[in-house]
Amino acid sequence: MHEFKVGEHTYRAGKLNARQQFHVGRRISPLIGQMFAVGPVISGIAAARRAMEDGDNVSEDDAEDTVRATEAMLVPFTRALAALSDADCDYVLDRCLGVVQRLTGTNGAGAWGDVFNARANRIMFEDIDLMQMMQITAEVLMDNLGGFFATPLPGMPSPGLPAQRSTTASNSPS
């Protein structure tokens, strides 16, 4: 189980099975390139925001550069997201939220509750807003699909690295 925090709450996510991973990946394939391009920009924005909150001196030029980079990355991403069908979006959200639980209670006496109820087709916590839902979904996607995109297929070179020979033994009979 993968544990993470979104806002004030702790969540844990299970794994999608292989078929679910395939179908989720297939549905979000138009977003994949943009997701990896947007990630560093979002990290940069978060770092700039932390620097400003910590009282670090951030120049106006740096702030403008961050805004321009954000616009350049987010516009294609939002266009690709808008082009997805409602059914595809619902499938991805339902599958991802369906493997997530949230820690409830206080002082270590909590219990884990499902975030999504498939039968009722609804999120079980009224305080989860759009941004939190997207962050939770992104955590599940990266935990379930991130390794697929970071690891080259056998015999294929990864970007910027020389091709590596497979070191796994063959399962075929001799």
N, C-alpha and C. Protein backbone atom coordinates (compact mmCIF):
# COMPACT_ATOMS: atom_id res chain seq x y z
N MET A 1 0.84 -1.19 0.00
CA MET A 1 0.00 0.00 0.00
C MET A 1 0.88 1.24 0.00
N HIS A 2 0.46 2.20 -0.75
CA HIS A 2 1.16 3.47 -0.89
C HIS A 2 0.44 4.51 -0.04
N GLU A 3 1.13 5.07 0.97
CA GLU A 3 0.53 6.11 1.83
C GLU A 3 1.01 7.47 1.38
N PHE A 4 0.11 8.45 1.46
CA PHE A 4 0.44 9.82 1.07
C PHE A 4 -0.52 10.78 1.76
N LYS A 5 -0.17 12.05 1.77
CA LYS A 5 -1.01 13.09 2.36
C LYS A 5 -1.51 14.01 1.27
N VAL A 6 -2.77 14.38 1.39
CA VAL A 6 -3.36 15.42 0.56
C VAL A 6 -4.09 16.32 1.54
N GLY A 7 -3.68 17.57 1.57
CA GLY A 7 -4.26 18.48 2.55
C GLY A 7 -3.90 18.00 3.95
N GLU A 8 -4.89 17.94 4.81
CA GLU A 8 -4.70 17.53 6.20
C GLU A 8 -4.91 16.03 6.42
N HIS A 9 -5.19 15.29 5.37
CA HIS A 9 -5.58 13.90 5.52
C HIS A 9 -4.53 12.94 4.96
N THR A 10 -4.46 11.77 5.60
CA THR A 10 -3.58 10.70 5.16
C THR A 10 -4.41 9.68 4.39
N TYR A 11 -3.88 9.28 3.25
CA TYR A 11 -4.54 8.31 2.38
C TYR A 11 -3.61 7.13 2.15
N ARG A 12 -4.21 6.01 1.78
CA ARG A 12 -3.41 4.89 1.30
C ARG A 12 -4.11 4.32 0.07
N ALA A 13 -3.26 3.94 -0.87
CA ALA A 13 -3.80 3.44 -2.13
C ALA A 13 -3.28 2.04 -2.38
N GLY A 14 -4.21 1.18 -2.77
CA GLY A 14 -3.85 -0.16 -3.19
C GLY A 14 -3.45 -0.14 -4.66
N LYS A 15 -3.24 -1.30 -5.20
CA LYS A 15 -2.86 -1.43 -6.60
C LYS A 15 -4.06 -1.75 -7.47
N LEU A 16 -4.07 -1.16 -8.64
CA LEU A 16 -5.01 -1.59 -9.66
C LEU A 16 -4.50 -2.91 -10.20
N ASN A 17 -5.40 -3.81 -10.59
CA ASN A 17 -4.91 -5.05 -11.19
C ASN A 17 -4.39 -4.74 -12.60
N ALA A 18 -3.70 -5.69 -13.21
CA ALA A 18 -3.04 -5.45 -14.49
C ALA A 18 -4.02 -5.00 -15.57
N ARG A 19 -5.19 -5.60 -15.62
CA ARG A 19 -6.19 -5.21 -16.64
C ARG A 19 -6.68 -3.78 -16.39
N GLN A 20 -6.90 -3.43 -15.13
CA GLN A 20 -7.32 -2.07 -14.82
C GLN A 20 -6.22 -1.08 -15.20
N GLN A 21 -4.96 -1.43 -14.89
CA GLN A 21 -3.84 -0.56 -15.26
C GLN A 21 -3.82 -0.34 -16.77
N PHE A 22 -4.01 -1.43 -17.52
CA PHE A 22 -4.03 -1.33 -18.97
C PHE A 22 -5.13 -0.39 -19.46
N HIS A 23 -6.34 -0.60 -18.96
CA HIS A 23 -7.48 0.19 -19.44
C HIS A 23 -7.39 1.64 -18.97
N VAL A 24 -6.90 1.88 -17.76
CA VAL A 24 -6.70 3.25 -17.30
C VAL A 24 -5.63 3.92 -18.17
N GLY A 25 -4.51 3.23 -18.38
CA GLY A 25 -3.43 3.78 -19.19
C GLY A 25 -3.88 4.08 -20.62
N ARG A 26 -4.69 3.19 -21.16
CA ARG A 26 -5.21 3.39 -22.52
C ARG A 26 -6.08 4.64 -22.59
N ARG A 27 -6.88 4.84 -21.56
CA ARG A 27 -7.79 5.99 -21.58
C ARG A 27 -7.06 7.32 -21.37
N ILE A 28 -5.99 7.30 -20.60
CA ILE A 28 -5.28 8.56 -20.35
C ILE A 28 -4.11 8.76 -21.31
N SER A 29 -3.93 7.86 -22.28
CA SER A 29 -2.79 7.98 -23.19
C SER A 29 -2.68 9.35 -23.86
N PRO A 30 -3.78 10.03 -24.20
CA PRO A 30 -3.62 11.37 -24.78
C PRO A 30 -2.99 12.38 -23.80
N LEU A 31 -3.03 12.07 -22.51
CA LEU A 31 -2.50 12.99 -21.50
C LEU A 31 -1.07 12.68 -21.08
N ILE A 32 -0.58 11.49 -21.39
CA ILE A 32 0.68 11.02 -20.84
C ILE A 32 1.83 11.98 -21.09
N GLY A 33 2.03 12.39 -22.33
CA GLY A 33 3.13 13.31 -22.64
C GLY A 33 3.01 14.61 -21.86
N GLN A 34 1.80 15.13 -21.81
CA GLN A 34 1.60 16.38 -21.08
C GLN A 34 1.79 16.21 -19.58
N MET A 35 1.40 15.04 -19.03
CA MET A 35 1.56 14.82 -17.59
C MET A 35 3.02 14.88 -17.19
N PHE A 36 3.90 14.26 -18.00
CA PHE A 36 5.31 14.26 -17.65
C PHE A 36 5.94 15.62 -17.90
N ALA A 37 5.41 16.39 -18.84
CA ALA A 37 5.92 17.73 -19.08
C ALA A 37 5.47 18.70 -17.99
N VAL A 38 4.26 18.51 -17.49
CA VAL A 38 3.70 19.41 -16.48
C VAL A 38 4.31 19.17 -15.11
N GLY A 39 4.69 17.93 -14.81
CA GLY A 39 5.23 17.60 -13.49
C GLY A 39 6.34 18.51 -13.01
N PRO A 40 7.42 18.69 -13.79
CA PRO A 40 8.50 19.58 -13.35
C PRO A 40 8.05 21.02 -13.17
N VAL A 41 7.13 21.47 -14.01
CA VAL A 41 6.63 22.84 -13.89
C VAL A 41 5.89 23.00 -12.57
N ILE A 42 5.04 22.03 -12.25
CA ILE A 42 4.30 22.10 -10.98
C ILE A 42 5.26 22.07 -9.80
N SER A 43 6.30 21.24 -9.89
CA SER A 43 7.31 21.21 -8.83
C SER A 43 8.01 22.56 -8.70
N GLY A 44 8.31 23.19 -9.84
CA GLY A 44 8.94 24.51 -9.83
C GLY A 44 8.04 25.57 -9.22
N ILE A 45 6.76 25.49 -9.54
CA ILE A 45 5.80 26.44 -8.97
C ILE A 45 5.72 26.26 -7.46
N ALA A 46 5.67 25.00 -7.02
CA ALA A 46 5.60 24.72 -5.58
C ALA A 46 6.85 25.24 -4.89
N ALA A 47 8.03 25.04 -5.51
CA ALA A 47 9.28 25.53 -4.91
C ALA A 47 9.29 27.05 -4.84
N ALA A 48 8.82 27.71 -5.89
CA ALA A 48 8.76 29.17 -5.90
C ALA A 48 7.80 29.68 -4.83
N ARG A 49 6.66 28.99 -4.70
CA ARG A 49 5.67 29.40 -3.69
C ARG A 49 6.26 29.24 -2.28
N ARG A 50 6.96 28.12 -2.04
CA ARG A 50 7.60 27.91 -0.73
C ARG A 50 8.64 28.98 -0.46
N ALA A 51 9.42 29.33 -1.48
CA ALA A 51 10.45 30.37 -1.32
C ALA A 51 9.81 31.70 -0.96
N MET A 52 8.70 32.05 -1.62
CA MET A 52 8.02 33.30 -1.31
C MET A 52 7.45 33.27 0.11
N GLU A 53 6.86 32.11 0.51
CA GLU A 53 6.30 31.99 1.85
C GLU A 53 7.37 32.05 2.92
N ASP A 54 8.56 31.53 2.59
CA ASP A 54 9.67 31.55 3.55
C ASP A 54 10.36 32.91 3.61
N GLY A 55 9.90 33.83 2.79
CA GLY A 55 10.46 35.18 2.80
C GLY A 55 11.69 35.32 1.94
N ASP A 56 12.00 34.31 1.13
CA ASP A 56 13.14 34.41 0.23
C ASP A 56 12.83 35.47 -0.82
N ASN A 57 13.88 36.10 -1.29
CA ASN A 57 13.72 37.15 -2.28
C ASN A 57 13.55 36.52 -3.66
N VAL A 58 12.36 36.58 -4.21
CA VAL A 58 12.07 36.06 -5.54
C VAL A 58 11.84 37.24 -6.45
N SER A 59 12.63 37.32 -7.53
CA SER A 59 12.53 38.47 -8.42
C SER A 59 11.24 38.43 -9.23
N GLU A 60 10.85 39.60 -9.72
CA GLU A 60 9.65 39.69 -10.56
C GLU A 60 9.86 38.93 -11.86
N ASP A 61 11.09 38.95 -12.39
CA ASP A 61 11.39 38.20 -13.61
C ASP A 61 11.22 36.71 -13.39
N ASP A 62 11.67 36.20 -12.23
CA ASP A 62 11.50 34.78 -11.93
C ASP A 62 10.02 34.42 -11.85
N ALA A 63 9.25 35.28 -11.23
CA ALA A 63 7.81 35.04 -11.10
C ALA A 63 7.15 35.03 -12.48
N GLU A 64 7.53 35.97 -13.35
CA GLU A 64 6.97 36.02 -14.70
C GLU A 64 7.38 34.80 -15.51
N ASP A 65 8.63 34.36 -15.36
CA ASP A 65 9.09 33.15 -16.06
C ASP A 65 8.27 31.94 -15.62
N THR A 66 7.98 31.85 -14.34
CA THR A 66 7.19 30.74 -13.82
C THR A 66 5.79 30.75 -14.41
N VAL A 67 5.19 31.93 -14.49
CA VAL A 67 3.84 32.05 -15.06
C VAL A 67 3.85 31.65 -16.53
N ARG A 68 4.84 32.12 -17.30
CA ARG A 68 4.92 31.77 -18.72
C ARG A 68 5.12 30.27 -18.91
N ALA A 69 5.99 29.68 -18.10
CA ALA A 69 6.23 28.23 -18.21
C ALA A 69 4.97 27.45 -17.86
N THR A 70 4.26 27.91 -16.85
CA THR A 70 3.02 27.25 -16.45
C THR A 70 2.00 27.29 -17.58
N GLU A 71 1.82 28.45 -18.17
CA GLU A 71 0.87 28.58 -19.28
C GLU A 71 1.27 27.69 -20.45
N ALA A 72 2.57 27.68 -20.77
CA ALA A 72 3.04 26.89 -21.91
C ALA A 72 2.79 25.41 -21.71
N MET A 73 2.87 24.93 -20.48
CA MET A 73 2.67 23.51 -20.21
C MET A 73 1.22 23.15 -19.96
N LEU A 74 0.51 24.00 -19.27
CA LEU A 74 -0.86 23.66 -18.88
C LEU A 74 -1.86 23.76 -20.03
N VAL A 75 -1.63 24.64 -20.98
CA VAL A 75 -2.60 24.80 -22.07
C VAL A 75 -2.74 23.50 -22.86
N PRO A 76 -1.65 22.86 -23.34
CA PRO A 76 -1.83 21.59 -24.06
C PRO A 76 -2.42 20.50 -23.18
N PHE A 77 -2.03 20.48 -21.90
CA PHE A 77 -2.56 19.48 -20.98
C PHE A 77 -4.07 19.64 -20.81
N THR A 78 -4.52 20.86 -20.59
CA THR A 78 -5.96 21.08 -20.39
C THR A 78 -6.75 20.81 -21.66
N ARG A 79 -6.15 21.08 -22.82
CA ARG A 79 -6.83 20.76 -24.08
C ARG A 79 -6.99 19.25 -24.23
N ALA A 80 -5.93 18.50 -23.92
CA ALA A 80 -6.01 17.04 -24.03
C ALA A 80 -7.01 16.49 -23.01
N LEU A 81 -7.02 17.05 -21.81
CA LEU A 81 -7.97 16.62 -20.79
C LEU A 81 -9.40 16.91 -21.22
N ALA A 82 -9.64 18.08 -21.79
CA ALA A 82 -10.98 18.45 -22.24
C ALA A 82 -11.46 17.55 -23.37
N ALA A 83 -10.54 17.01 -24.16
CA ALA A 83 -10.92 16.16 -25.28
C ALA A 83 -11.32 14.75 -24.85
N LEU A 84 -10.97 14.35 -23.62
CA LEU A 84 -11.37 13.02 -23.15
C LEU A 84 -12.88 12.97 -22.97
N SER A 85 -13.46 11.83 -23.27
CA SER A 85 -14.91 11.69 -23.09
C SER A 85 -15.24 11.62 -21.59
N ASP A 86 -16.47 11.94 -21.27
CA ASP A 86 -16.92 11.83 -19.88
C ASP A 86 -16.78 10.39 -19.39
N ALA A 87 -17.10 9.44 -20.26
CA ALA A 87 -17.01 8.03 -19.87
C ALA A 87 -15.57 7.64 -19.55
N ASP A 88 -14.61 8.11 -20.34
CA ASP A 88 -13.21 7.82 -20.05
C ASP A 88 -12.76 8.47 -18.75
N CYS A 89 -13.15 9.72 -18.54
CA CYS A 89 -12.80 10.41 -17.29
C CYS A 89 -13.40 9.68 -16.08
N ASP A 90 -14.67 9.32 -16.19
CA ASP A 90 -15.32 8.61 -15.09
C ASP A 90 -14.64 7.27 -14.82
N TYR A 91 -14.27 6.55 -15.87
CA TYR A 91 -13.60 5.26 -15.71
C TYR A 91 -12.30 5.44 -14.92
N VAL A 92 -11.49 6.39 -15.33
CA VAL A 92 -10.20 6.62 -14.67
C VAL A 92 -10.40 7.04 -13.22
N LEU A 93 -11.28 8.01 -12.99
CA LEU A 93 -11.52 8.47 -11.61
C LEU A 93 -12.08 7.35 -10.74
N ASP A 94 -13.07 6.63 -11.25
CA ASP A 94 -13.69 5.56 -10.47
C ASP A 94 -12.68 4.48 -10.10
N ARG A 95 -11.85 4.06 -11.07
CA ARG A 95 -10.87 3.01 -10.80
C ARG A 95 -9.82 3.49 -9.81
N CYS A 96 -9.34 4.70 -10.02
CA CYS A 96 -8.28 5.21 -9.14
C CYS A 96 -8.80 5.46 -7.73
N LEU A 97 -9.93 6.15 -7.61
CA LEU A 97 -10.47 6.43 -6.28
C LEU A 97 -10.96 5.15 -5.60
N GLY A 98 -11.30 4.14 -6.39
CA GLY A 98 -11.80 2.88 -5.84
C GLY A 98 -10.76 2.07 -5.08
N VAL A 99 -9.48 2.39 -5.23
CA VAL A 99 -8.44 1.66 -4.50
C VAL A 99 -7.85 2.48 -3.36
N VAL A 100 -8.51 3.61 -3.03
CA VAL A 100 -7.98 4.53 -2.02
C VAL A 100 -8.83 4.51 -0.76
N GLN A 101 -8.14 4.59 0.37
CA GLN A 101 -8.79 4.73 1.67
C GLN A 101 -8.21 5.94 2.38
N ARG A 102 -9.01 6.51 3.29
CA ARG A 102 -8.57 7.67 4.06
C ARG A 102 -8.58 7.33 5.54
N LEU A 103 -7.56 7.79 6.24
CA LEU A 103 -7.48 7.58 7.68
C LEU A 103 -8.44 8.55 8.36
N THR A 104 -9.34 8.01 9.16
CA THR A 104 -10.29 8.84 9.89
C THR A 104 -10.01 8.71 11.38
N GLY A 105 -10.52 9.63 12.16
CA GLY A 105 -10.28 9.59 13.61
C GLY A 105 -9.08 10.45 13.97
N THR A 106 -8.80 10.49 15.27
CA THR A 106 -7.70 11.33 15.76
C THR A 106 -6.85 10.58 16.77
N ASN A 107 -5.71 11.14 17.05
CA ASN A 107 -4.80 10.64 18.07
C ASN A 107 -4.44 9.17 17.88
N GLY A 108 -4.23 8.76 16.66
CA GLY A 108 -3.81 7.39 16.39
C GLY A 108 -4.89 6.33 16.57
N ALA A 109 -6.10 6.76 16.92
CA ALA A 109 -7.19 5.80 17.11
C ALA A 109 -8.10 5.77 15.89
N GLY A 110 -7.49 5.93 14.71
CA GLY A 110 -8.29 6.03 13.50
C GLY A 110 -8.56 4.71 12.83
N ALA A 111 -9.40 4.78 11.85
CA ALA A 111 -9.73 3.62 11.01
C ALA A 111 -9.65 4.09 9.56
N TRP A 112 -9.48 3.14 8.66
CA TRP A 112 -9.40 3.44 7.25
C TRP A 112 -10.79 3.29 6.62
N GLY A 113 -11.21 4.32 5.89
CA GLY A 113 -12.50 4.29 5.21
C GLY A 113 -12.32 4.45 3.71
N ASP A 114 -13.10 3.71 2.94
CA ASP A 114 -13.03 3.81 1.48
C ASP A 114 -13.38 5.23 1.03
N VAL A 115 -12.63 5.73 0.07
CA VAL A 115 -12.87 7.06 -0.48
C VAL A 115 -14.02 7.04 -1.48
N PHE A 116 -14.16 5.95 -2.22
CA PHE A 116 -15.17 5.87 -3.27
C PHE A 116 -16.02 4.63 -3.08
N ASN A 117 -17.33 4.78 -3.23
CA ASN A 117 -18.26 3.68 -3.16
C ASN A 117 -18.79 3.43 -4.57
N ALA A 118 -18.37 2.32 -5.17
CA ALA A 118 -18.75 2.02 -6.57
C ALA A 118 -20.25 1.80 -6.71
N ARG A 119 -20.87 1.13 -5.74
CA ARG A 119 -22.31 0.88 -5.84
C ARG A 119 -23.11 2.18 -5.83
N ALA A 120 -22.72 3.09 -4.95
CA ALA A 120 -23.41 4.38 -4.87
C ALA A 120 -22.88 5.37 -5.91
N ASN A 121 -21.74 5.02 -6.54
CA ASN A 121 -21.10 5.87 -7.54
C ASN A 121 -20.83 7.27 -7.01
N ARG A 122 -20.20 7.30 -5.81
CA ARG A 122 -19.94 8.61 -5.20
C ARG A 122 -18.73 8.56 -4.28
N ILE A 123 -18.13 9.72 -4.12
CA ILE A 123 -17.04 9.90 -3.16
C ILE A 123 -17.67 9.95 -1.77
N MET A 124 -17.05 9.27 -0.83
CA MET A 124 -17.65 9.09 0.49
C MET A 124 -17.31 10.21 1.49
N PHE A 125 -16.45 11.14 1.11
CA PHE A 125 -16.09 12.24 1.99
C PHE A 125 -16.45 13.55 1.31
N GLU A 126 -17.39 14.26 1.90
CA GLU A 126 -17.92 15.49 1.31
C GLU A 126 -16.88 16.60 1.22
N ASP A 127 -15.81 16.54 2.03
CA ASP A 127 -14.82 17.60 2.02
C ASP A 127 -13.75 17.43 0.94
N ILE A 128 -13.81 16.36 0.16
CA ILE A 128 -12.86 16.20 -0.94
C ILE A 128 -13.34 17.06 -2.11
N ASP A 129 -12.52 18.07 -2.43
CA ASP A 129 -12.89 18.96 -3.53
C ASP A 129 -12.18 18.54 -4.82
N LEU A 130 -12.37 19.30 -5.87
CA LEU A 130 -11.82 18.96 -7.17
C LEU A 130 -10.30 18.80 -7.13
N MET A 131 -9.60 19.76 -6.55
CA MET A 131 -8.14 19.70 -6.52
C MET A 131 -7.65 18.50 -5.71
N GLN A 132 -8.28 18.21 -4.59
CA GLN A 132 -7.89 17.05 -3.80
C GLN A 132 -8.17 15.75 -4.55
N MET A 133 -9.31 15.69 -5.22
CA MET A 133 -9.65 14.50 -6.01
C MET A 133 -8.59 14.28 -7.09
N MET A 134 -8.17 15.35 -7.74
CA MET A 134 -7.16 15.23 -8.78
C MET A 134 -5.81 14.82 -8.21
N GLN A 135 -5.44 15.35 -7.05
CA GLN A 135 -4.18 14.97 -6.41
C GLN A 135 -4.19 13.49 -6.01
N ILE A 136 -5.30 13.04 -5.46
CA ILE A 136 -5.42 11.63 -5.07
C ILE A 136 -5.32 10.74 -6.30
N THR A 137 -6.03 11.12 -7.36
CA THR A 137 -5.99 10.35 -8.60
C THR A 137 -4.57 10.32 -9.17
N ALA A 138 -3.88 11.46 -9.14
CA ALA A 138 -2.51 11.52 -9.65
C ALA A 138 -1.58 10.60 -8.85
N GLU A 139 -1.77 10.53 -7.53
CA GLU A 139 -0.96 9.64 -6.70
C GLU A 139 -1.16 8.18 -7.13
N VAL A 140 -2.41 7.81 -7.35
CA VAL A 140 -2.71 6.43 -7.77
C VAL A 140 -2.12 6.16 -9.15
N LEU A 141 -2.26 7.11 -10.06
CA LEU A 141 -1.72 6.92 -11.41
C LEU A 141 -0.20 6.76 -11.38
N MET A 142 0.48 7.61 -10.64
CA MET A 142 1.94 7.51 -10.59
C MET A 142 2.38 6.23 -9.90
N ASP A 143 1.67 5.80 -8.86
CA ASP A 143 2.03 4.57 -8.17
C ASP A 143 1.78 3.35 -9.04
N ASN A 144 0.75 3.39 -9.85
CA ASN A 144 0.37 2.23 -10.66
C ASN A 144 0.98 2.25 -12.06
N LEU A 145 1.14 3.42 -12.64
CA LEU A 145 1.61 3.50 -14.02
C LEU A 145 2.97 4.16 -14.17
N GLY A 146 3.44 4.84 -13.14
CA GLY A 146 4.70 5.58 -13.22
C GLY A 146 5.88 4.71 -13.62
N GLY A 147 5.97 3.52 -13.06
CA GLY A 147 7.07 2.62 -13.39
C GLY A 147 7.04 2.16 -14.83
N PHE A 148 5.87 2.04 -15.39
CA PHE A 148 5.73 1.60 -16.78
C PHE A 148 6.38 2.61 -17.72
N PHE A 149 6.22 3.90 -17.42
CA PHE A 149 6.75 4.92 -18.30
C PHE A 149 8.21 5.25 -17.98
N ALA A 150 8.67 4.91 -16.78
CA ALA A 150 10.06 5.17 -16.41
C ALA A 150 10.98 4.04 -16.83
N THR A 151 10.44 2.86 -17.06
CA THR A 151 11.23 1.69 -17.39
C THR A 151 11.09 1.38 -18.88
N PRO A 152 12.22 1.29 -19.59
CA PRO A 152 12.10 0.95 -21.01
C PRO A 152 11.66 -0.50 -21.18
N LEU A 153 11.03 -0.77 -22.30
CA LEU A 153 10.67 -2.14 -22.62
C LEU A 153 11.94 -2.95 -22.83
N PRO A 154 11.90 -4.27 -22.58
CA PRO A 154 13.10 -5.09 -22.77
C PRO A 154 13.66 -4.91 -24.18
N GLY A 155 14.98 -4.66 -24.23
CA GLY A 155 15.65 -4.49 -25.51
C GLY A 155 15.56 -3.10 -26.08
N MET A 156 14.78 -2.21 -25.44
CA MET A 156 14.63 -0.85 -25.93
C MET A 156 15.46 0.09 -25.07
N PRO A 157 16.17 1.04 -25.68
CA PRO A 157 16.95 1.99 -24.87
C PRO A 157 16.03 2.97 -24.18
N SER A 158 16.41 3.39 -22.98
CA SER A 158 15.66 4.45 -22.33
C SER A 158 16.20 5.78 -22.84
N PRO A 159 15.41 6.84 -22.79
CA PRO A 159 15.86 8.12 -23.33
C PRO A 159 17.15 8.57 -22.65
N GLY A 160 18.16 8.87 -23.44
CA GLY A 160 19.42 9.39 -22.91
C GLY A 160 20.36 8.33 -22.35
N LEU A 161 19.98 7.06 -22.36
CA LEU A 161 20.82 6.01 -21.82
C LEU A 161 21.11 4.99 -22.90
N PRO A 162 22.31 4.36 -22.85
CA PRO A 162 22.59 3.32 -23.84
C PRO A 162 21.70 2.11 -23.60
N ALA A 163 21.47 1.36 -24.65
CA ALA A 163 20.64 0.16 -24.54
C ALA A 163 21.29 -0.80 -23.55
N GLN A 164 20.45 -1.45 -22.75
CA GLN A 164 20.95 -2.41 -21.76
C GLN A 164 20.50 -3.80 -22.15
N ARG A 165 21.35 -4.76 -21.90
CA ARG A 165 20.99 -6.14 -22.19
C ARG A 165 20.15 -6.67 -21.05
N SER A 166 19.20 -7.50 -21.37
CA SER A 166 18.35 -8.11 -20.36
C SER A 166 19.17 -9.11 -19.56
N THR A 167 19.05 -9.05 -18.23
CA THR A 167 19.79 -9.98 -17.37
C THR A 167 18.89 -11.05 -16.79
N THR A 168 17.63 -11.05 -17.19
CA THR A 168 16.72 -12.07 -16.67
C THR A 168 16.84 -13.34 -17.48
N ALA A 169 16.70 -14.44 -16.80
CA ALA A 169 16.80 -15.73 -17.49
C ALA A 169 15.56 -15.96 -18.32
N SER A 170 15.73 -16.65 -19.41
CA SER A 170 14.60 -16.97 -20.27
C SER A 170 13.76 -18.07 -19.63
N ASN A 171 12.45 -17.95 -19.76
CA ASN A 171 11.54 -18.94 -19.21
C ASN A 171 11.19 -20.01 -20.25
N SER A 172 11.74 -19.88 -21.44
CA SER A 172 11.39 -20.85 -22.47
C SER A 172 12.17 -22.14 -22.27
N PRO A 173 11.59 -23.29 -22.64
CA PRO A 173 12.30 -24.55 -22.46
C PRO A 173 13.49 -24.62 -23.38
N SER A 174 14.56 -25.32 -22.95
CA SER A 174 15.77 -25.42 -23.77
C SER A 174 15.65 -26.48 -24.80
